[in-house]
């Protein structure tokens, strides 16, 4: 019985068991891409965030704070509608990887 438990533990350590960003892997997830790139735009501006991993979760903030694994989950393109400066930040969490580097886009909206 002990050998079965040991085998399961080794399997979970080798494969990973979810826990986005929990360190179950040693390779960071690829950073997300924010489109369009930083710049000055007319409102409304539609922002799209993509990642290259299957089953990854993108966490996003639009208030200038750094995203964490507790931040809102990106669910699809969204519109920025208020004039001013907006900073969009995103990171990726995926099972078997550590959390990605943060991607930042700075928008001046007119």
PDB file of N, CA and C in Angstrom:
ATOM      1  N   UNK A   1       0.823  -1.195   0.000  1.00  0.00           N
ATOM      2  CA  UNK A   1       0.000   0.000   0.000  1.00  0.00           C
ATOM      3  C   UNK A   1       0.867   1.258   0.000  1.00  0.00           C
ATOM      4  N   UNK A   2       1.972   1.213   0.775  1.00  0.00           N
ATOM      5  CA  UNK A   2       2.860   2.372   0.820  1.00  0.00           C
ATOM      6  C   UNK A   2       3.456   2.660  -0.550  1.00  0.00           C
ATOM      7  N   UNK A   3       3.744   1.606  -1.317  1.00  0.00           N
ATOM      8  CA  UNK A   3       4.346   1.819  -2.640  1.00  0.00           C
ATOM      9  C   UNK A   3       3.344   2.453  -3.598  1.00  0.00           C
ATOM     10  N   UNK A   4       2.054   2.145  -3.461  1.00  0.00           N
ATOM     11  CA  UNK A   4       1.029   2.765  -4.302  1.00  0.00           C
ATOM     12  C   UNK A   4       0.919   4.247  -3.978  1.00  0.00           C
ATOM     13  N   UNK A   5       0.898   4.590  -2.698  1.00  0.00           N
ATOM     14  CA  UNK A   5       0.821   5.998  -2.291  1.00  0.00           C
ATOM     15  C   UNK A   5       2.060   6.740  -2.783  1.00  0.00           C
ATOM     16  N   UNK A   6       3.223   6.143  -2.640  1.00  0.00           N
ATOM     17  CA  UNK A   6       4.458   6.779  -3.098  1.00  0.00           C
ATOM     18  C   UNK A   6       4.425   6.995  -4.606  1.00  0.00           C
ATOM     19  N   UNK A   7       3.902   6.028  -5.354  1.00  0.00           N
ATOM     20  CA  UNK A   7       3.820   6.156  -6.812  1.00  0.00           C
ATOM     21  C   UNK A   7       2.877   7.284  -7.200  1.00  0.00           C
ATOM     22  N   UNK A   8       1.756   7.414  -6.512  1.00  0.00           N
ATOM     23  CA  UNK A   8       0.807   8.485  -6.806  1.00  0.00           C
ATOM     24  C   UNK A   8       1.435   9.843  -6.514  1.00  0.00           C
ATOM     25  N   UNK A   9       2.131   9.958  -5.397  1.00  0.00           N
ATOM     26  CA  UNK A   9       2.794  11.218  -5.051  1.00  0.00           C
ATOM     27  C   UNK A   9       3.828  11.579  -6.116  1.00  0.00           C
ATOM     28  N   UNK A  10       4.623  10.619  -6.534  1.00  0.00           N
ATOM     29  CA  UNK A  10       5.625  10.883  -7.573  1.00  0.00           C
ATOM     30  C   UNK A  10       4.967  11.283  -8.887  1.00  0.00           C
ATOM     31  N   UNK A  11       3.864  10.649  -9.230  1.00  0.00           N
ATOM     32  CA  UNK A  11       3.145  11.002 -10.453  1.00  0.00           C
ATOM     33  C   UNK A  11       2.633  12.430 -10.383  1.00  0.00           C
ATOM     34  N   UNK A  12       2.044  12.821  -9.270  1.00  0.00           N
ATOM     35  CA  UNK A  12       1.527  14.180  -9.125  1.00  0.00           C
ATOM     36  C   UNK A  12       2.645  15.211  -9.162  1.00  0.00           C
ATOM     37  N   UNK A  13       3.783  14.884  -8.587  1.00  0.00           N
ATOM     38  CA  UNK A  13       4.913  15.813  -8.615  1.00  0.00           C
ATOM     39  C   UNK A  13       5.440  15.946 -10.036  1.00  0.00           C
ATOM     40  N   UNK A  14       5.526  14.835 -10.763  1.00  0.00           N
ATOM     41  CA  UNK A  14       6.068  14.872 -12.117  1.00  0.00           C
ATOM     42  C   UNK A  14       5.138  15.527 -13.125  1.00  0.00           C
ATOM     43  N   UNK A  15       3.846  15.300 -12.996  1.00  0.00           N
ATOM     44  CA  UNK A  15       2.883  15.807 -13.966  1.00  0.00           C
ATOM     45  C   UNK A  15       2.326  17.151 -13.549  1.00  0.00           C
ATOM     46  N   UNK A  16       2.204  17.391 -12.280  1.00  0.00           N
ATOM     47  CA  UNK A  16       1.544  18.597 -11.789  1.00  0.00           C
ATOM     48  C   UNK A  16       0.081  18.288 -11.564  1.00  0.00           C
ATOM     49  N   UNK A  17      -0.547  19.046 -10.685  1.00  0.00           N
ATOM     50  CA  UNK A  17      -1.947  18.757 -10.378  1.00  0.00           C
ATOM     51  C   UNK A  17      -2.752  20.043 -10.330  1.00  0.00           C
ATOM     52  N   UNK A  18      -2.534  20.892 -11.309  1.00  0.00           N
ATOM     53  CA  UNK A  18      -3.306  22.131 -11.330  1.00  0.00           C
ATOM     54  C   UNK A  18      -2.648  23.159 -10.437  1.00  0.00           C
ATOM     55  N   UNK A  19      -3.465  23.917  -9.721  1.00  0.00           N
ATOM     56  CA  UNK A  19      -2.915  24.926  -8.826  1.00  0.00           C
ATOM     57  C   UNK A  19      -2.177  25.996  -9.596  1.00  0.00           C
ATOM     58  N   UNK A  20      -2.886  26.670 -10.495  1.00  0.00           N
ATOM     59  CA  UNK A  20      -2.265  27.657 -11.374  1.00  0.00           C
ATOM     60  C   UNK A  20      -1.295  28.532 -10.608  1.00  0.00           C
ATOM     61  N   UNK A  21      -0.070  28.577 -11.096  1.00  0.00           N
ATOM     62  CA  UNK A  21       0.932  29.446 -10.506  1.00  0.00           C
ATOM     63  C   UNK A  21       1.441  28.971  -9.163  1.00  0.00           C
ATOM     64  N   UNK A  22       1.067  27.766  -8.780  1.00  0.00           N
ATOM     65  CA  UNK A  22       1.420  27.300  -7.444  1.00  0.00           C
ATOM     66  C   UNK A  22       2.828  26.750  -7.353  1.00  0.00           C
ATOM     67  N   UNK A  23       3.577  26.813  -8.451  1.00  0.00           N
ATOM     68  CA  UNK A  23       4.925  26.281  -8.415  1.00  0.00           C
ATOM     69  C   UNK A  23       4.985  24.810  -8.742  1.00  0.00           C
ATOM     70  N   UNK A  24       3.909  24.225  -9.243  1.00  0.00           N
ATOM     71  CA  UNK A  24       3.918  22.809  -9.582  1.00  0.00           C
ATOM     72  C   UNK A  24       4.766  22.542 -10.817  1.00  0.00           C
ATOM     73  N   UNK A  25       5.246  23.573 -11.446  1.00  0.00           N
ATOM     74  CA  UNK A  25       6.167  23.437 -12.563  1.00  0.00           C
ATOM     75  C   UNK A  25       7.327  24.376 -12.318  1.00  0.00           C
ATOM     76  N   UNK A  26       8.355  24.246 -13.119  1.00  0.00           N
ATOM     77  CA  UNK A  26       9.489  25.140 -12.961  1.00  0.00           C
ATOM     78  C   UNK A  26       9.592  26.128 -14.112  1.00  0.00           C
ATOM     79  N   UNK A  27       8.785  25.913 -15.141  1.00  0.00           N
ATOM     80  CA  UNK A  27       8.794  26.790 -16.309  1.00  0.00           C
ATOM     81  C   UNK A  27       7.644  27.780 -16.197  1.00  0.00           C
ATOM     82  N   UNK A  28       7.911  29.075 -16.375  1.00  0.00           N
ATOM     83  CA  UNK A  28       6.808  30.041 -16.351  1.00  0.00           C
ATOM     84  C   UNK A  28       5.905  29.865 -17.572  1.00  0.00           C
ATOM     85  N   UNK A  29       4.628  30.091 -17.376  1.00  0.00           N
ATOM     86  CA  UNK A  29       3.700  30.113 -18.508  1.00  0.00           C
ATOM     87  C   UNK A  29       4.092  31.271 -19.419  1.00  0.00           C
ATOM     88  N   UNK A  30       3.864  31.134 -20.727  1.00  0.00           N
ATOM     89  CA  UNK A  30       4.145  32.262 -21.623  1.00  0.00           C
ATOM     90  C   UNK A  30       3.290  33.472 -21.248  1.00  0.00           C
ATOM     91  N   UNK A  31       3.875  34.648 -21.359  1.00  0.00           N
ATOM     92  CA  UNK A  31       3.158  35.886 -21.024  1.00  0.00           C
ATOM     93  C   UNK A  31       2.024  36.116 -22.033  1.00  0.00           C
ATOM     94  N   UNK A  32       0.919  36.687 -21.577  1.00  0.00           N
ATOM     95  CA  UNK A  32      -0.185  36.975 -22.493  1.00  0.00           C
ATOM     96  C   UNK A  32       0.154  38.152 -23.410  1.00  0.00           C
ATOM     97  N   UNK A  33      -0.592  38.264 -24.485  1.00  0.00           N
ATOM     98  CA  UNK A  33      -0.435  39.369 -25.427  1.00  0.00           C
ATOM     99  C   UNK A  33      -1.668  40.259 -25.338  1.00  0.00           C
ATOM    100  N   UNK A  34      -1.462  41.576 -25.234  1.00  0.00           N
ATOM    101  CA  UNK A  34      -2.564  42.533 -25.175  1.00  0.00           C
ATOM    102  C   UNK A  34      -2.606  43.276 -26.510  1.00  0.00           C
ATOM    103  N   UNK A  35      -3.816  43.344 -27.064  1.00  0.00           N
ATOM    104  CA  UNK A  35      -3.998  44.037 -28.339  1.00  0.00           C
ATOM    105  C   UNK A  35      -5.161  45.008 -28.219  1.00  0.00           C
ATOM    106  N   UNK A  36      -5.004  46.237 -28.682  1.00  0.00           N
ATOM    107  CA  UNK A  36      -3.867  46.786 -29.405  1.00  0.00           C
ATOM    108  C   UNK A  36      -2.703  47.082 -28.459  1.00  0.00           C
ATOM    109  N   UNK A  37      -1.591  47.513 -29.023  1.00  0.00           N
ATOM    110  CA  UNK A  37      -0.422  47.878 -28.218  1.00  0.00           C
ATOM    111  C   UNK A  37      -0.666  49.223 -27.546  1.00  0.00           C
ATOM    112  N   UNK A  38       0.170  49.541 -26.583  1.00  0.00           N
ATOM    113  CA  UNK A  38       0.072  50.830 -25.883  1.00  0.00           C
ATOM    114  C   UNK A  38       0.022  51.974 -26.884  1.00  0.00           C
ATOM    115  N   UNK A  39      -0.756  53.011 -26.537  1.00  0.00           N
ATOM    116  CA  UNK A  39      -0.824  54.173 -27.421  1.00  0.00           C
ATOM    117  C   UNK A  39      -2.018  55.038 -27.102  1.00  0.00           C
ATOM    118  N   UNK A  40      -2.281  56.001 -27.984  1.00  0.00           N
ATOM    119  CA  UNK A  40      -3.407  56.917 -27.846  1.00  0.00           C
ATOM    120  C   UNK A  40      -4.490  56.497 -28.839  1.00  0.00           C
ATOM    121  N   UNK A  41      -5.719  56.363 -28.328  1.00  0.00           N
ATOM    122  CA  UNK A  41      -6.830  55.870 -29.132  1.00  0.00           C
ATOM    123  C   UNK A  41      -8.098  56.650 -28.816  1.00  0.00           C
ATOM    124  N   UNK A  42      -9.025  56.635 -29.763  1.00  0.00           N
ATOM    125  CA  UNK A  42     -10.357  57.181 -29.527  1.00  0.00           C
ATOM    126  C   UNK A  42     -11.177  56.153 -28.756  1.00  0.00           C
ATOM    127  N   UNK A  43     -12.141  56.633 -27.992  1.00  0.00           N
ATOM    128  CA  UNK A  43     -13.041  55.707 -27.302  1.00  0.00           C
ATOM    129  C   UNK A  43     -14.236  55.433 -28.207  1.00  0.00           C
ATOM    130  N   UNK A  44     -14.869  54.305 -28.109  1.00  0.00           N
ATOM    131  CA  UNK A  44     -14.471  53.171 -27.266  1.00  0.00           C
ATOM    132  C   UNK A  44     -13.325  52.391 -27.906  1.00  0.00           C
ATOM    133  N   UNK A  45     -12.519  51.766 -27.067  1.00  0.00           N
ATOM    134  CA  UNK A  45     -11.397  50.942 -27.526  1.00  0.00           C
ATOM    135  C   UNK A  45     -11.653  49.509 -27.073  1.00  0.00           C
ATOM    136  N   UNK A  46     -11.642  48.581 -28.011  1.00  0.00           N
ATOM    137  CA  UNK A  46     -11.814  47.171 -27.669  1.00  0.00           C
ATOM    138  C   UNK A  46     -10.443  46.547 -27.434  1.00  0.00           C
ATOM    139  N   UNK A  47     -10.294  45.908 -26.282  1.00  0.00           N
ATOM    140  CA  UNK A  47      -9.034  45.288 -25.876  1.00  0.00           C
ATOM    141  C   UNK A  47      -9.208  43.768 -25.894  1.00  0.00           C
ATOM    142  N   UNK A  48      -8.239  43.093 -26.503  1.00  0.00           N
ATOM    143  CA  UNK A  48      -8.231  41.634 -26.566  1.00  0.00           C
ATOM    144  C   UNK A  48      -6.945  41.128 -25.939  1.00  0.00           C
ATOM    145  N   UNK A  49      -7.055  40.061 -25.150  1.00  0.00           N
ATOM    146  CA  UNK A  49      -5.881  39.455 -24.521  1.00  0.00           C
ATOM    147  C   UNK A  49      -5.850  37.992 -24.942  1.00  0.00           C
ATOM    148  N   UNK A  50      -4.690  37.527 -25.392  1.00  0.00           N
ATOM    149  CA  UNK A  50      -4.558  36.144 -25.834  1.00  0.00           C
ATOM    150  C   UNK A  50      -3.387  35.467 -25.129  1.00  0.00           C
ATOM    151  N   UNK A  51      -3.428  34.131 -25.134  1.00  0.00           N
ATOM    152  CA  UNK A  51      -2.327  33.348 -24.597  1.00  0.00           C
ATOM    153  C   UNK A  51      -2.125  32.147 -25.512  1.00  0.00           C
ATOM    154  N   UNK A  52      -0.997  31.495 -25.382  1.00  0.00           N
ATOM    155  CA  UNK A  52      -0.672  30.388 -26.281  1.00  0.00           C
ATOM    156  C   UNK A  52      -0.855  29.009 -25.655  1.00  0.00           C
ATOM    157  N   UNK A  53      -1.366  28.941 -24.444  1.00  0.00           N
ATOM    158  CA  UNK A  53      -1.542  27.647 -23.774  1.00  0.00           C
ATOM    159  C   UNK A  53      -3.002  27.216 -23.767  1.00  0.00           C
ATOM    160  N   UNK A  54      -3.212  25.953 -23.964  1.00  0.00           N
ATOM    161  CA  UNK A  54      -4.557  25.401 -23.841  1.00  0.00           C
ATOM    162  C   UNK A  54      -4.889  25.274 -22.356  1.00  0.00           C
ATOM    163  N   UNK A  55      -6.101  25.593 -21.989  1.00  0.00           N
ATOM    164  CA  UNK A  55      -6.589  25.493 -20.601  1.00  0.00           C
ATOM    165  C   UNK A  55      -5.905  26.461 -19.634  1.00  0.00           C
ATOM    166  N   UNK A  56      -5.359  27.533 -20.155  1.00  0.00           N
ATOM    167  CA  UNK A  56      -4.764  28.550 -19.290  1.00  0.00           C
ATOM    168  C   UNK A  56      -5.851  29.527 -18.852  1.00  0.00           C
ATOM    169  N   UNK A  57      -5.585  30.235 -17.771  1.00  0.00           N
ATOM    170  CA  UNK A  57      -6.496  31.265 -17.283  1.00  0.00           C
ATOM    171  C   UNK A  57      -5.745  32.587 -17.299  1.00  0.00           C
ATOM    172  N   UNK A  58      -6.369  33.610 -17.874  1.00  0.00           N
ATOM    173  CA  UNK A  58      -5.772  34.943 -17.910  1.00  0.00           C
ATOM    174  C   UNK A  58      -6.429  35.777 -16.823  1.00  0.00           C
ATOM    175  N   UNK A  59      -5.620  36.411 -15.992  1.00  0.00           N
ATOM    176  CA  UNK A  59      -6.101  37.296 -14.938  1.00  0.00           C
ATOM    177  C   UNK A  59      -5.777  38.718 -15.368  1.00  0.00           C
ATOM    178  N   UNK A  60      -6.725  39.643 -15.186  1.00  0.00           N
ATOM    179  CA  UNK A  60      -6.559  40.987 -15.733  1.00  0.00           C
ATOM    180  C   UNK A  60      -7.014  42.050 -14.743  1.00  0.00           C
ATOM    181  N   UNK A  61      -6.335  43.197 -14.794  1.00  0.00           N
ATOM    182  CA  UNK A  61      -6.785  44.383 -14.054  1.00  0.00           C
ATOM    183  C   UNK A  61      -6.752  45.568 -15.012  1.00  0.00           C
ATOM    184  N   UNK A  62      -7.612  46.535 -14.737  1.00  0.00           N
ATOM    185  CA  UNK A  62      -7.658  47.761 -15.550  1.00  0.00           C
ATOM    186  C   UNK A  62      -7.523  49.009 -14.683  1.00  0.00           C
ATOM    187  N   UNK A  63      -7.217  48.814 -13.416  1.00  0.00           N
ATOM    188  CA  UNK A  63      -7.129  49.951 -12.491  1.00  0.00           C
ATOM    189  C   UNK A  63      -5.691  50.286 -12.098  1.00  0.00           C
ATOM    190  N   UNK A  64      -4.722  49.700 -12.790  1.00  0.00           N
ATOM    191  CA  UNK A  64      -3.324  49.984 -12.499  1.00  0.00           C
ATOM    192  C   UNK A  64      -2.692  49.064 -11.471  1.00  0.00           C
ATOM    193  N   UNK A  65      -3.506  48.259 -10.766  1.00  0.00           N
ATOM    194  CA  UNK A  65      -2.934  47.328  -9.791  1.00  0.00           C
ATOM    195  C   UNK A  65      -2.390  46.101 -10.511  1.00  0.00           C
ATOM    196  N   UNK A  66      -1.450  45.430  -9.883  1.00  0.00           N
ATOM    197  CA  UNK A  66      -0.895  44.217 -10.471  1.00  0.00           C
ATOM    198  C   UNK A  66      -1.866  43.058 -10.306  1.00  0.00           C
ATOM    199  N   UNK A  67      -2.108  42.291 -11.370  1.00  0.00           N
ATOM    200  CA  UNK A  67      -3.004  41.147 -11.248  1.00  0.00           C
ATOM    201  C   UNK A  67      -2.377  40.041 -10.410  1.00  0.00           C
ATOM    202  N   UNK A  68      -3.247  39.289  -9.768  1.00  0.00           N
ATOM    203  CA  UNK A  68      -2.848  38.110  -9.004  1.00  0.00           C
ATOM    204  C   UNK A  68      -3.785  36.972  -9.411  1.00  0.00           C
ATOM    205  N   UNK A  69      -3.592  35.825  -8.818  1.00  0.00           N
ATOM    206  CA  UNK A  69      -4.478  34.695  -9.104  1.00  0.00           C
ATOM    207  C   UNK A  69      -5.859  34.889  -8.485  1.00  0.00           C
ATOM    208  N   UNK A  70      -6.059  36.001  -7.782  1.00  0.00           N
ATOM    209  CA  UNK A  70      -7.368  36.355  -7.227  1.00  0.00           C
ATOM    210  C   UNK A  70      -8.041  37.459  -8.028  1.00  0.00           C
ATOM    211  N   UNK A  71      -7.379  37.966  -9.050  1.00  0.00           N
ATOM    212  CA  UNK A  71      -7.930  39.053  -9.873  1.00  0.00           C
ATOM    213  C   UNK A  71      -9.042  38.523 -10.777  1.00  0.00           C
ATOM    214  N   UNK A  72      -9.803  39.442 -11.391  1.00  0.00           N
ATOM    215  CA  UNK A  72     -10.840  39.000 -12.326  1.00  0.00           C
ATOM    216  C   UNK A  72     -10.251  38.167 -13.471  1.00  0.00           C
ATOM    217  N   UNK A  73     -11.005  37.175 -13.891  1.00  0.00           N
ATOM    218  CA  UNK A  73     -10.602  36.312 -15.000  1.00  0.00           C
ATOM    219  C   UNK A  73     -11.065  36.952 -16.308  1.00  0.00           C
ATOM    220  N   UNK A  74     -10.164  37.017 -17.275  1.00  0.00           N
ATOM    221  CA  UNK A  74     -10.481  37.539 -18.597  1.00  0.00           C
ATOM    222  C   UNK A  74     -11.429  36.562 -19.288  1.00  0.00           C
ATOM    223  N   UNK A  75     -12.552  37.067 -19.777  1.00  0.00           N
ATOM    224  CA  UNK A  75     -13.565  36.224 -20.417  1.00  0.00           C
ATOM    225  C   UNK A  75     -13.756  36.541 -21.896  1.00  0.00           C
ATOM    226  N   UNK A  76     -13.059  37.527 -22.398  1.00  0.00           N
ATOM    227  CA  UNK A  76     -13.183  37.887 -23.802  1.00  0.00           C
ATOM    228  C   UNK A  76     -12.957  39.369 -23.980  1.00  0.00           C
ATOM    229  N   UNK A  77     -12.941  39.834 -25.239  1.00  0.00           N
ATOM    230  CA  UNK A  77     -12.685  41.251 -25.508  1.00  0.00           C
ATOM    231  C   UNK A  77     -13.606  42.161 -24.687  1.00  0.00           C
ATOM    232  N   UNK A  78     -13.050  43.298 -24.270  1.00  0.00           N
ATOM    233  CA  UNK A  78     -13.832  44.257 -23.497  1.00  0.00           C
ATOM    234  C   UNK A  78     -13.550  45.653 -24.021  1.00  0.00           C
ATOM    235  N   UNK A  79     -14.487  46.566 -23.773  1.00  0.00           N
ATOM    236  CA  UNK A  79     -14.367  47.940 -24.270  1.00  0.00           C
ATOM    237  C   UNK A  79     -13.955  48.876 -23.142  1.00  0.00           C
ATOM    238  N   UNK A  80     -13.023  49.760 -23.449  1.00  0.00           N
ATOM    239  CA  UNK A  80     -12.678  50.873 -22.566  1.00  0.00           C
ATOM    240  C   UNK A  80     -13.407  52.086 -23.126  1.00  0.00           C
ATOM    241  N   UNK A  81     -14.255  52.709 -22.316  1.00  0.00           N
ATOM    242  CA  UNK A  81     -15.158  53.735 -22.842  1.00  0.00           C
ATOM    243  C   UNK A  81     -14.950  55.132 -22.272  1.00  0.00           C
ATOM    244  N   UNK A  82     -14.167  55.248 -21.208  1.00  0.00           N
ATOM    245  CA  UNK A  82     -13.984  56.545 -20.564  1.00  0.00           C
ATOM    246  C   UNK A  82     -12.685  57.199 -21.008  1.00  0.00           C
ATOM    247  N   UNK A  83     -12.724  58.472 -21.396  1.00  0.00           N
ATOM    248  CA  UNK A  83     -11.484  59.169 -21.744  1.00  0.00           C
ATOM    249  C   UNK A  83     -10.544  59.216 -20.539  1.00  0.00           C
ATOM    250  N   UNK A  84      -9.254  59.225 -20.810  1.00  0.00           N
ATOM    251  CA  UNK A  84      -8.253  59.287 -19.753  1.00  0.00           C
ATOM    252  C   UNK A  84      -7.175  58.257 -19.976  1.00  0.00           C
ATOM    253  N   UNK A  85      -6.384  58.025 -18.937  1.00  0.00           N
ATOM    254  CA  UNK A  85      -5.288  57.059 -19.015  1.00  0.00           C
ATOM    255  C   UNK A  85      -5.732  55.768 -18.331  1.00  0.00           C
ATOM    256  N   UNK A  86      -5.573  54.666 -19.032  1.00  0.00           N
ATOM    257  CA  UNK A  86      -5.939  53.354 -18.490  1.00  0.00           C
ATOM    258  C   UNK A  86      -4.755  52.418 -18.672  1.00  0.00           C
ATOM    259  N   UNK A  87      -4.437  51.704 -17.609  1.00  0.00           N
ATOM    260  CA  UNK A  87      -3.366  50.717 -17.663  1.00  0.00           C
ATOM    261  C   UNK A  87      -4.002  49.335 -17.531  1.00  0.00           C
ATOM    262  N   UNK A  88      -3.819  48.506 -18.558  1.00  0.00           N
ATOM    263  CA  UNK A  88      -4.319  47.132 -18.544  1.00  0.00           C
ATOM    264  C   UNK A  88      -3.134  46.221 -18.257  1.00  0.00           C
ATOM    265  N   UNK A  89      -3.300  45.342 -17.260  1.00  0.00           N
ATOM    266  CA  UNK A  89      -2.245  44.404 -16.885  1.00  0.00           C
ATOM    267  C   UNK A  89      -2.829  43.004 -16.885  1.00  0.00           C
ATOM    268  N   UNK A  90      -2.033  42.040 -17.337  1.00  0.00           N
ATOM    269  CA  UNK A  90      -2.520  40.659 -17.403  1.00  0.00           C
ATOM    270  C   UNK A  90      -1.391  39.678 -17.118  1.00  0.00           C
ATOM    271  N   UNK A  91      -1.759  38.514 -16.602  1.00  0.00           N
ATOM    272  CA  UNK A  91      -0.831  37.400 -16.435  1.00  0.00           C
ATOM    273  C   UNK A  91      -1.587  36.108 -16.654  1.00  0.00           C
ATOM    274  N   UNK A  92      -0.831  35.039 -16.872  1.00  0.00           N
ATOM    275  CA  UNK A  92      -1.414  33.733 -17.163  1.00  0.00           C
ATOM    276  C   UNK A  92      -1.082  32.762 -16.050  1.00  0.00           C
ATOM    277  N   UNK A  93      -2.081  31.967 -15.666  1.00  0.00           N
ATOM    278  CA  UNK A  93      -1.888  30.846 -14.768  1.00  0.00           C
ATOM    279  C   UNK A  93      -2.289  29.581 -15.502  1.00  0.00           C
ATOM    280  N   UNK A  94      -1.470  28.546 -15.399  1.00  0.00           N
ATOM    281  CA  UNK A  94      -1.774  27.278 -16.067  1.00  0.00           C
ATOM    282  C   UNK A  94      -1.160  26.140 -15.279  1.00  0.00           C
ATOM    283  N   UNK A  95      -1.899  25.050 -15.164  1.00  0.00           N
ATOM    284  CA  UNK A  95      -1.403  23.879 -14.456  1.00  0.00           C
ATOM    285  C   UNK A  95      -0.097  23.396 -15.043  1.00  0.00           C
ATOM    286  N   UNK A  96       0.853  23.054 -14.186  1.00  0.00           N
ATOM    287  CA  UNK A  96       2.140  22.566 -14.630  1.00  0.00           C
ATOM    288  C   UNK A  96       3.156  23.660 -14.899  1.00  0.00           C
ATOM    289  N   UNK A  97       2.753  24.926 -14.745  1.00  0.00           N
ATOM    290  CA  UNK A  97       3.630  26.071 -14.977  1.00  0.00           C
ATOM    291  C   UNK A  97       3.595  26.983 -13.760  1.00  0.00           C
ATOM    292  N   UNK A  98       4.636  27.787 -13.615  1.00  0.00           N
ATOM    293  CA  UNK A  98       4.550  28.884 -12.663  1.00  0.00           C
ATOM    294  C   UNK A  98       3.830  30.032 -13.369  1.00  0.00           C
ATOM    295  N   UNK A  99       3.397  31.011 -12.625  1.00  0.00           N
ATOM    296  CA  UNK A  99       2.673  32.150 -13.179  1.00  0.00           C
ATOM    297  C   UNK A  99       3.554  32.880 -14.191  1.00  0.00           C
ATOM    298  N   UNK A 100       2.932  33.344 -15.270  1.00  0.00           N
ATOM    299  CA  UNK A 100       3.674  34.048 -16.320  1.00  0.00           C
ATOM    300  C   UNK A 100       4.164  35.406 -15.830  1.00  0.00           C
ATOM    301  N   UNK A 101       5.022  35.991 -16.626  1.00  0.00           N
ATOM    302  CA  UNK A 101       5.385  37.391 -16.424  1.00  0.00           C
ATOM    303  C   UNK A 101       4.151  38.236 -16.729  1.00  0.00           C
ATOM    304  N   UNK A 102       4.073  39.391 -16.121  1.00  0.00           N
ATOM    305  CA  UNK A 102       2.951  40.294 -16.335  1.00  0.00           C
ATOM    306  C   UNK A 102       3.165  41.076 -17.632  1.00  0.00           C
ATOM    307  N   UNK A 103       2.076  41.265 -18.384  1.00  0.00           N
ATOM    308  CA  UNK A 103       2.096  42.096 -19.581  1.00  0.00           C
ATOM    309  C   UNK A 103       1.315  43.358 -19.274  1.00  0.00           C
ATOM    310  N   UNK A 104       1.821  44.506 -19.729  1.00  0.00           N
ATOM    311  CA  UNK A 104       1.193  45.792 -19.441  1.00  0.00           C
ATOM    312  C   UNK A 104       0.972  46.550 -20.743  1.00  0.00           C
ATOM    313  N   UNK A 105      -0.203  47.168 -20.870  1.00  0.00           N
ATOM    314  CA  UNK A 105      -0.478  48.076 -21.979  1.00  0.00           C
ATOM    315  C   UNK A 105      -1.026  49.371 -21.385  1.00  0.00           C
ATOM    316  N   UNK A 106      -0.460  50.496 -21.826  1.00  0.00           N
ATOM    317  CA  UNK A 106      -0.887  51.812 -21.359  1.00  0.00           C
ATOM    318  C   UNK A 106      -1.644  52.506 -22.473  1.00  0.00           C
ATOM    319  N   UNK A 107      -2.872  52.883 -22.180  1.00  0.00           N
ATOM    320  CA  UNK A 107      -3.722  53.533 -23.169  1.00  0.00           C
ATOM    321  C   UNK A 107      -4.097  54.946 -22.722  1.00  0.00           C
ATOM    322  N   UNK A 108      -3.958  55.884 -23.636  1.00  0.00           N
ATOM    323  CA  UNK A 108      -4.506  57.222 -23.438  1.00  0.00           C
ATOM    324  C   UNK A 108      -5.737  57.291 -24.332  1.00  0.00           C
ATOM    325  N   UNK A 109      -6.888  57.437 -23.714  1.00  0.00           N
ATOM    326  CA  UNK A 109      -8.153  57.399 -24.445  1.00  0.00           C
ATOM    327  C   UNK A 109      -8.721  58.800 -24.594  1.00  0.00           C
ATOM    328  N   UNK A 110      -9.119  59.144 -25.808  1.00  0.00           N
ATOM    329  CA  UNK A 110      -9.669  60.469 -26.087  1.00  0.00           C
ATOM    330  C   UNK A 110     -11.137  60.385 -26.402  1.00  0.00           C
TER     331      UNK A 110
END
